[in-house]
Amino acid sequence: MAKELPILPSTVQPADAAEVGPHQYSRVFCQKENSPPLRLLLEFLTSRGQTPITPPDMDDSMLDEWAWVQVTLGYDRKRKPIQVVCVRDRGTYQDVFNKEKEQFLDLLSAHDDVEAVLVRAFVERARFVLTTRFAQNDMTDEGYDFNGWILEFFQDQCNGLVQIDNQGFYSPKGDLIVDLSVKVE
């Protein structure tokens, strides 16, 4: 079950809530000390044939900031953008980082197979968590691809491990290694 991150301001007004529907969350638990600046992510997306749409009021100097927290990235002007949030093991949102990490360590403790033990150790060593959030009812195949490229960038550049809500944890090759779609009794 996806949880609401307190640092994500709601862009949906109550009247729109039924239209937008549920949100999908995906994460990359990263072991690298610092996240790359947004400019590198945008260059990566462009190199993959994507055309990322950044907020019109975004200051160009922010693209080179490594300590960024949140940005919205669009893939189609007719669709709601994907919210991208980065919380670290230090700084302003350290408490959110610790809660996210603890939540997944608890979920993984219910699994006793080798893969879950390895994933748990990986999550314990994470230095930051990159989270994407999008409205499921407004997402197209192109949007899922765009979100996938964001996850792949952080997985590759930051020694990360991908987790998708209602699915589980994925290996760097894209194989589901810990299934979190079913409850463990």
Protein backbone atom coordinates (compact mmCIF):
# COMPACT_ATOMS: atom_id res chain seq x y z
CA MET A 1 0.00 0.00 0.00
CA ALA A 2 1.43 3.37 -0.99
CA LYS A 3 1.80 5.95 1.72
CA GLU A 4 1.59 9.69 1.39
CA LEU A 5 4.95 11.38 1.76
CA PRO A 6 4.61 14.47 3.92
CA ILE A 7 6.96 16.47 1.70
CA LEU A 8 4.80 16.09 -1.38
CA PRO A 9 2.33 18.95 -1.53
CA SER A 10 -1.02 17.91 -2.89
CA THR A 11 -1.51 19.35 -6.35
CA VAL A 12 -4.97 17.82 -6.54
CA GLN A 13 -7.91 19.84 -5.33
CA PRO A 14 -10.70 17.86 -3.59
CA ALA A 15 -12.99 18.29 -6.62
CA ASP A 16 -10.33 16.65 -8.81
CA ALA A 17 -9.56 13.76 -6.45
CA ALA A 18 -12.03 11.32 -8.02
CA GLU A 19 -10.79 12.17 -11.51
CA VAL A 20 -7.11 11.62 -10.68
CA GLY A 21 -7.57 8.45 -8.66
CA PRO A 22 -4.86 6.57 -6.78
CA HIS A 23 -1.18 7.33 -7.00
CA GLN A 24 1.58 4.87 -7.82
CA TYR A 25 4.88 5.11 -5.96
CA SER A 26 8.23 3.67 -6.95
CA ARG A 27 11.57 4.08 -5.25
CA VAL A 28 15.26 3.58 -5.70
CA PHE A 29 17.20 2.86 -2.52
CA CYS A 30 20.63 4.30 -3.30
CA GLN A 31 23.95 3.58 -1.64
CA LYS A 32 25.92 6.42 -3.23
CA GLU A 33 26.50 9.29 -0.79
CA ASN A 34 25.00 12.05 -2.93
CA SER A 35 22.35 12.16 -5.61
CA PRO A 36 23.43 13.51 -8.99
CA PRO A 37 22.35 17.01 -9.98
CA LEU A 38 19.11 17.22 -11.93
CA ARG A 39 20.95 18.33 -15.08
CA LEU A 40 22.48 14.84 -15.37
CA LEU A 41 19.06 13.22 -15.05
CA LEU A 42 17.62 15.51 -17.74
CA GLU A 43 20.57 14.78 -20.06
CA PHE A 44 20.10 11.04 -19.49
CA LEU A 45 16.38 11.26 -20.27
CA THR A 46 17.09 13.25 -23.43
CA SER A 47 19.72 10.70 -24.52
CA ARG A 48 17.01 8.03 -24.24
CA GLY A 49 14.72 9.89 -26.64
CA GLN A 50 12.62 11.49 -23.90
CA THR A 51 11.70 15.18 -23.72
CA PRO A 52 11.49 16.04 -20.01
CA ILE A 53 9.27 19.01 -19.21
CA THR A 54 10.51 20.98 -16.20
CA PRO A 55 8.51 23.54 -14.21
CA PRO A 56 8.49 26.92 -16.01
CA ASP A 57 9.64 28.73 -12.86
CA MET A 58 12.65 26.45 -12.30
CA ASP A 59 15.86 28.43 -11.90
CA ASP A 60 18.55 27.05 -14.23
CA SER A 61 21.11 27.14 -11.39
CA MET A 62 19.01 24.54 -9.53
CA LEU A 63 19.85 22.01 -12.24
CA ASP A 64 23.41 21.83 -10.90
CA GLU A 65 22.41 21.47 -7.24
CA TRP A 66 23.13 18.03 -5.78
CA ALA A 67 21.05 18.58 -2.60
CA TRP A 68 17.72 19.01 -4.40
CA VAL A 69 14.61 17.59 -2.72
CA GLN A 70 11.70 17.68 -5.15
CA VAL A 71 10.95 18.35 -8.80
CA THR A 72 8.04 17.62 -11.11
CA LEU A 73 8.96 16.22 -14.51
CA GLY A 74 6.49 15.99 -17.33
CA TYR A 75 6.57 13.67 -20.29
CA ASP A 76 3.46 15.04 -22.07
CA ARG A 77 1.90 18.49 -21.66
CA LYS A 78 -1.57 16.88 -21.68
CA ARG A 79 -0.74 14.61 -18.72
CA LYS A 80 0.00 15.22 -15.07
CA PRO A 81 3.73 15.25 -14.35
CA ILE A 82 5.66 12.75 -12.28
CA GLN A 83 6.74 14.02 -8.87
CA VAL A 84 10.33 13.10 -8.06
CA VAL A 85 11.49 13.37 -4.44
CA CYS A 86 14.90 12.70 -2.95
CA VAL A 87 15.32 12.27 0.82
CA ARG A 88 18.69 11.63 2.40
CA ASP A 89 20.26 10.19 5.52
CA ARG A 90 21.10 13.76 6.58
CA GLY A 91 19.55 17.17 6.26
CA THR A 92 16.04 18.55 6.39
CA TYR A 93 14.08 15.40 5.50
CA GLN A 94 16.24 12.88 7.35
CA ASP A 95 13.20 11.86 9.42
CA VAL A 96 11.25 11.00 6.25
CA PHE A 97 14.25 9.01 4.98
CA ASN A 98 14.42 7.09 8.27
CA LYS A 99 10.67 6.33 8.22
CA GLU A 100 10.79 5.10 4.61
CA LYS A 101 13.80 2.93 5.32
CA GLU A 102 12.28 1.50 8.52
CA GLN A 103 8.98 0.74 6.77
CA PHE A 104 10.72 -1.34 4.12
CA LEU A 105 13.03 -3.05 6.58
CA ASP A 106 9.91 -4.13 8.50
CA LEU A 107 8.24 -5.40 5.30
CA LEU A 108 11.36 -7.32 4.35
CA SER A 109 11.72 -8.89 7.80
CA ALA A 110 8.59 -10.95 7.06
CA HIS A 111 10.47 -12.69 4.23
CA ASP A 112 13.13 -15.25 5.07
CA ASP A 113 14.51 -16.21 1.66
CA VAL A 114 18.07 -15.38 0.58
CA GLU A 115 16.98 -12.61 -1.79
CA ALA A 116 15.00 -10.81 0.94
CA VAL A 117 17.96 -11.01 3.32
CA LEU A 118 20.22 -9.48 0.65
CA VAL A 119 17.69 -6.76 -0.18
CA ARG A 120 17.27 -5.97 3.52
CA ALA A 121 21.05 -5.53 3.89
CA PHE A 122 21.03 -3.31 0.80
CA VAL A 123 18.22 -1.11 2.20
CA GLU A 124 20.05 -0.85 5.53
CA ARG A 125 23.07 0.63 3.70
CA ALA A 126 21.02 3.13 1.64
CA ARG A 127 22.16 6.75 1.86
CA PHE A 128 19.16 8.26 0.07
CA VAL A 129 15.82 7.25 -1.39
CA LEU A 130 14.56 8.58 -4.69
CA THR A 131 10.76 8.33 -4.93
CA THR A 132 8.55 8.86 -7.97
CA ARG A 133 4.81 9.43 -7.69
CA PHE A 134 2.21 9.68 -10.43
CA ALA A 135 -1.55 9.49 -10.88
CA GLN A 136 -2.31 6.00 -12.21
CA ASN A 137 -5.48 7.08 -14.01
CA ASP A 138 -3.57 9.73 -15.97
CA MET A 139 -0.54 7.63 -16.96
CA THR A 140 0.12 6.39 -20.50
CA ASP A 141 2.57 3.76 -21.74
CA GLU A 142 4.95 6.61 -22.58
CA GLY A 143 4.65 7.83 -18.99
CA TYR A 144 5.46 4.40 -17.58
CA ASP A 145 8.51 4.31 -19.86
CA PHE A 146 9.52 7.81 -18.70
CA ASN A 147 9.19 6.77 -15.06
CA GLY A 148 11.21 3.63 -15.81
CA TRP A 149 14.04 5.71 -17.28
CA ILE A 150 14.12 7.86 -14.12
CA LEU A 151 14.37 4.73 -11.96
CA GLU A 152 17.03 3.22 -14.22
CA PHE A 153 19.15 6.39 -14.07
CA PHE A 154 19.28 6.33 -10.27
CA GLN A 155 19.75 2.57 -10.14
CA ASP A 156 22.75 2.77 -12.46
CA GLN A 157 24.30 6.05 -11.30
CA CYS A 158 23.80 5.66 -7.55
CA ASN A 159 24.19 1.95 -6.88
CA GLY A 160 20.45 1.69 -6.39
CA LEU A 161 17.82 -0.99 -5.98
CA VAL A 162 14.33 -0.40 -7.44
CA GLN A 163 11.14 -0.98 -5.43
CA ILE A 164 7.65 -0.54 -6.90
CA ASP A 165 4.61 -0.46 -4.62
CA ASN A 166 2.26 -3.45 -4.89
CA GLN A 167 5.00 -5.32 -6.76
CA GLY A 168 8.30 -5.57 -4.89
CA PHE A 169 12.06 -5.17 -5.32
CA TYR A 170 13.79 -5.65 -8.66
CA SER A 171 17.30 -6.75 -9.56
CA PRO A 172 19.41 -4.48 -11.78
CA LYS A 173 18.46 -6.81 -14.66
CA GLY A 174 14.76 -6.08 -14.08
CA ASP A 175 13.81 -9.37 -12.44
CA LEU A 176 11.42 -9.35 -9.48
CA ILE A 177 13.55 -10.66 -6.60
CA VAL A 178 11.31 -9.94 -3.59
CA ASP A 179 7.59 -10.08 -4.27
CA LEU A 180 5.66 -7.66 -2.05
CA SER A 181 2.38 -8.01 -3.94
CA VAL A 182 1.07 -10.68 -1.58
CA LYS A 183 0.91 -10.51 2.19
CA VAL A 184 3.16 -12.87 4.07
CA GLU A 185 1.30 -14.61 6.90
